[in-house]
Amino acid sequence: MATDFDEKRKKAYVNRRSLMDLGMGIIYAGMGGFFLVSELFGIVMEFPPKPFSYIFGGLCLLYGSFRIYRGIKRNYFN
């Protein structure tokens, strides 16, 4: 009886964490993409300056893709 409850709790935790990782990964990747291509849409940002916005955008894109990968893989207990 207790193992059923523990398995349900574990499955619910994995589902919540996976959904959070996917959602945050999409947000981070979208933000990184925005910083990388904002000048193509005519949006000029004063801060951060040009080279730093490209670096920050690339890092956000990498971290977002990592979060998406982790959400798809769902390997939280190993």
N, C-alpha and C. Protein backbone atom coordinates (compact mmCIF):
# COMPACT_ATOMS: atom_id res chain seq x y z
N MET A 1 0.82 -1.19 0.00
CA MET A 1 0.00 0.00 0.00
C MET A 1 0.86 1.25 0.00
N ALA A 2 1.89 1.27 0.84
CA ALA A 2 2.75 2.45 0.91
C ALA A 2 3.58 2.61 -0.35
N THR A 3 3.93 1.50 -0.98
CA THR A 3 4.73 1.62 -2.20
C THR A 3 3.91 2.19 -3.34
N ASP A 4 2.61 1.90 -3.38
CA ASP A 4 1.74 2.51 -4.39
C ASP A 4 1.72 4.02 -4.23
N PHE A 5 1.56 4.44 -2.99
CA PHE A 5 1.54 5.87 -2.70
C PHE A 5 2.88 6.53 -3.05
N ASP A 6 3.97 5.87 -2.72
CA ASP A 6 5.30 6.43 -3.04
C ASP A 6 5.52 6.50 -4.54
N GLU A 7 5.07 5.50 -5.26
CA GLU A 7 5.22 5.51 -6.72
C GLU A 7 4.39 6.63 -7.35
N LYS A 8 3.18 6.85 -6.84
CA LYS A 8 2.34 7.94 -7.35
C LYS A 8 2.97 9.29 -7.07
N ARG A 9 3.51 9.44 -5.84
CA ARG A 9 4.18 10.70 -5.50
C ARG A 9 5.40 10.93 -6.38
N LYS A 10 6.17 9.89 -6.62
CA LYS A 10 7.36 10.00 -7.45
C LYS A 10 6.99 10.37 -8.89
N LYS A 11 5.94 9.73 -9.40
CA LYS A 11 5.49 10.02 -10.76
C LYS A 11 4.96 11.46 -10.88
N ALA A 12 4.21 11.91 -9.88
CA ALA A 12 3.69 13.28 -9.89
C ALA A 12 4.84 14.28 -9.83
N TYR A 13 5.86 13.99 -9.01
CA TYR A 13 7.02 14.87 -8.92
C TYR A 13 7.75 14.95 -10.25
N VAL A 14 7.95 13.82 -10.90
CA VAL A 14 8.64 13.79 -12.19
C VAL A 14 7.84 14.57 -13.22
N ASN A 15 6.53 14.42 -13.23
CA ASN A 15 5.70 15.15 -14.19
C ASN A 15 5.77 16.66 -13.96
N ARG A 16 5.68 17.09 -12.70
CA ARG A 16 5.74 18.53 -12.40
C ARG A 16 7.10 19.10 -12.79
N ARG A 17 8.16 18.40 -12.42
CA ARG A 17 9.50 18.92 -12.70
C ARG A 17 9.77 18.93 -14.20
N SER A 18 9.30 17.92 -14.91
CA SER A 18 9.49 17.87 -16.35
C SER A 18 8.75 19.02 -17.03
N LEU A 19 7.53 19.27 -16.60
CA LEU A 19 6.76 20.38 -17.16
C LEU A 19 7.43 21.72 -16.87
N MET A 20 7.95 21.88 -15.66
CA MET A 20 8.64 23.11 -15.31
C MET A 20 9.92 23.28 -16.15
N ASP A 21 10.68 22.20 -16.33
CA ASP A 21 11.89 22.28 -17.14
C ASP A 21 11.57 22.63 -18.58
N LEU A 22 10.54 22.03 -19.13
CA LEU A 22 10.16 22.35 -20.52
C LEU A 22 9.71 23.80 -20.65
N GLY A 23 8.88 24.24 -19.73
CA GLY A 23 8.40 25.63 -19.80
C GLY A 23 9.50 26.64 -19.63
N MET A 24 10.35 26.45 -18.63
CA MET A 24 11.44 27.39 -18.41
C MET A 24 12.47 27.32 -19.54
N GLY A 25 12.66 26.13 -20.10
CA GLY A 25 13.57 25.99 -21.23
C GLY A 25 13.09 26.77 -22.44
N ILE A 26 11.80 26.72 -22.69
CA ILE A 26 11.24 27.48 -23.81
C ILE A 26 11.37 28.98 -23.55
N ILE A 27 11.15 29.40 -22.32
CA ILE A 27 11.28 30.83 -21.98
C ILE A 27 12.73 31.29 -22.16
N TYR A 28 13.69 30.52 -21.61
CA TYR A 28 15.10 30.89 -21.74
C TYR A 28 15.55 30.89 -23.20
N ALA A 29 15.16 29.87 -23.95
CA ALA A 29 15.56 29.81 -25.36
C ALA A 29 14.93 30.96 -26.16
N GLY A 30 13.68 31.28 -25.85
CA GLY A 30 13.04 32.41 -26.53
C GLY A 30 13.70 33.73 -26.21
N MET A 31 14.07 33.90 -24.95
CA MET A 31 14.76 35.12 -24.55
C MET A 31 16.13 35.21 -25.22
N GLY A 32 16.85 34.09 -25.29
CA GLY A 32 18.14 34.07 -25.95
C GLY A 32 18.02 34.37 -27.43
N GLY A 33 17.02 33.79 -28.06
CA GLY A 33 16.78 34.09 -29.47
C GLY A 33 16.43 35.55 -29.70
N PHE A 34 15.66 36.12 -28.78
CA PHE A 34 15.32 37.54 -28.90
C PHE A 34 16.57 38.41 -28.83
N PHE A 35 17.47 38.13 -27.88
CA PHE A 35 18.68 38.92 -27.77
C PHE A 35 19.56 38.77 -29.00
N LEU A 36 19.54 37.59 -29.62
CA LEU A 36 20.39 37.37 -30.78
C LEU A 36 19.86 38.05 -32.04
N VAL A 37 18.55 38.09 -32.22
CA VAL A 37 17.99 38.61 -33.47
C VAL A 37 17.18 39.89 -33.29
N SER A 38 17.33 40.58 -32.18
CA SER A 38 16.51 41.76 -31.93
C SER A 38 16.78 42.87 -32.94
N GLU A 39 18.00 42.99 -33.43
CA GLU A 39 18.30 44.05 -34.40
C GLU A 39 17.67 43.79 -35.76
N LEU A 40 17.39 42.54 -36.09
CA LEU A 40 16.73 42.24 -37.36
C LEU A 40 15.31 42.76 -37.39
N PHE A 41 14.69 42.89 -36.22
CA PHE A 41 13.32 43.41 -36.13
C PHE A 41 13.28 44.91 -35.86
N GLY A 42 14.42 45.55 -35.84
CA GLY A 42 14.48 46.99 -35.63
C GLY A 42 14.43 47.41 -34.18
N ILE A 43 14.68 46.51 -33.27
CA ILE A 43 14.68 46.83 -31.84
C ILE A 43 16.11 47.10 -31.44
N VAL A 44 16.39 48.33 -31.04
CA VAL A 44 17.74 48.70 -30.63
C VAL A 44 17.74 48.81 -29.11
N MET A 45 18.62 48.04 -28.48
CA MET A 45 18.69 48.06 -27.02
C MET A 45 19.92 48.85 -26.59
N GLU A 46 19.74 49.75 -25.67
CA GLU A 46 20.86 50.52 -25.14
C GLU A 46 21.70 49.67 -24.19
N PHE A 47 21.02 48.84 -23.42
CA PHE A 47 21.72 48.00 -22.47
C PHE A 47 21.22 46.57 -22.62
N PRO A 48 22.01 45.61 -22.73
CA PRO A 48 23.47 45.57 -22.75
C PRO A 48 24.01 45.94 -24.13
N PRO A 49 25.26 46.39 -24.19
CA PRO A 49 25.85 46.73 -25.49
C PRO A 49 25.89 45.51 -26.41
N LYS A 50 26.17 45.78 -27.68
CA LYS A 50 26.06 44.76 -28.71
C LYS A 50 26.82 43.46 -28.42
N PRO A 51 28.12 43.47 -28.14
CA PRO A 51 28.77 42.16 -27.97
C PRO A 51 28.26 41.39 -26.74
N PHE A 52 27.89 42.10 -25.70
CA PHE A 52 27.40 41.42 -24.50
C PHE A 52 26.01 40.85 -24.70
N SER A 53 25.19 41.50 -25.50
CA SER A 53 23.86 40.95 -25.76
C SER A 53 23.96 39.67 -26.59
N TYR A 54 24.93 39.59 -27.50
CA TYR A 54 25.13 38.36 -28.26
C TYR A 54 25.62 37.23 -27.36
N ILE A 55 26.54 37.53 -26.46
CA ILE A 55 27.05 36.52 -25.54
C ILE A 55 25.94 36.05 -24.61
N PHE A 56 25.19 37.00 -24.05
CA PHE A 56 24.09 36.65 -23.15
C PHE A 56 23.02 35.85 -23.88
N GLY A 57 22.71 36.24 -25.11
CA GLY A 57 21.72 35.51 -25.90
C GLY A 57 22.16 34.10 -26.19
N GLY A 58 23.44 33.92 -26.51
CA GLY A 58 23.95 32.58 -26.76
C GLY A 58 23.91 31.71 -25.51
N LEU A 59 24.28 32.30 -24.37
CA LEU A 59 24.23 31.54 -23.12
C LEU A 59 22.80 31.16 -22.75
N CYS A 60 21.87 32.08 -22.94
CA CYS A 60 20.46 31.77 -22.66
C CYS A 60 19.95 30.67 -23.58
N LEU A 61 20.35 30.72 -24.84
CA LEU A 61 19.94 29.69 -25.78
C LEU A 61 20.50 28.33 -25.40
N LEU A 62 21.76 28.28 -24.98
CA LEU A 62 22.35 27.03 -24.54
C LEU A 62 21.67 26.49 -23.29
N TYR A 63 21.45 27.36 -22.31
CA TYR A 63 20.82 26.92 -21.07
C TYR A 63 19.38 26.49 -21.31
N GLY A 64 18.68 27.20 -22.17
CA GLY A 64 17.31 26.82 -22.49
C GLY A 64 17.24 25.47 -23.18
N SER A 65 18.18 25.20 -24.08
CA SER A 65 18.18 23.90 -24.74
C SER A 65 18.54 22.79 -23.75
N PHE A 66 19.42 23.08 -22.77
CA PHE A 66 19.71 22.10 -21.73
C PHE A 66 18.48 21.80 -20.90
N ARG A 67 17.72 22.83 -20.54
CA ARG A 67 16.52 22.61 -19.73
C ARG A 67 15.47 21.81 -20.51
N ILE A 68 15.35 22.08 -21.80
CA ILE A 68 14.41 21.32 -22.63
C ILE A 68 14.85 19.86 -22.71
N TYR A 69 16.14 19.63 -22.89
CA TYR A 69 16.66 18.27 -22.94
C TYR A 69 16.40 17.53 -21.62
N ARG A 70 16.64 18.21 -20.52
CA ARG A 70 16.44 17.59 -19.21
C ARG A 70 14.96 17.30 -18.97
N GLY A 71 14.07 18.17 -19.46
CA GLY A 71 12.64 17.92 -19.32
C GLY A 71 12.15 16.77 -20.16
N ILE A 72 12.76 16.57 -21.32
CA ILE A 72 12.37 15.46 -22.18
C ILE A 72 12.92 14.15 -21.64
N LYS A 73 14.16 14.18 -21.14
CA LYS A 73 14.80 12.95 -20.67
C LYS A 73 14.16 12.40 -19.39
N ARG A 74 13.74 13.27 -18.48
CA ARG A 74 13.05 12.91 -17.24
C ARG A 74 13.85 11.96 -16.36
N ASN A 75 15.13 12.18 -16.24
CA ASN A 75 16.00 11.31 -15.44
C ASN A 75 16.39 12.06 -14.16
N TYR A 76 15.49 12.13 -13.19
CA TYR A 76 15.71 12.95 -12.02
C TYR A 76 16.21 12.18 -10.79
N PHE A 77 16.10 10.88 -10.80
CA PHE A 77 16.44 10.12 -9.60
C PHE A 77 17.69 9.28 -9.74
N ASN A 78 18.48 9.48 -10.77
CA ASN A 78 19.73 8.70 -10.92
C ASN A 78 20.94 9.53 -10.68
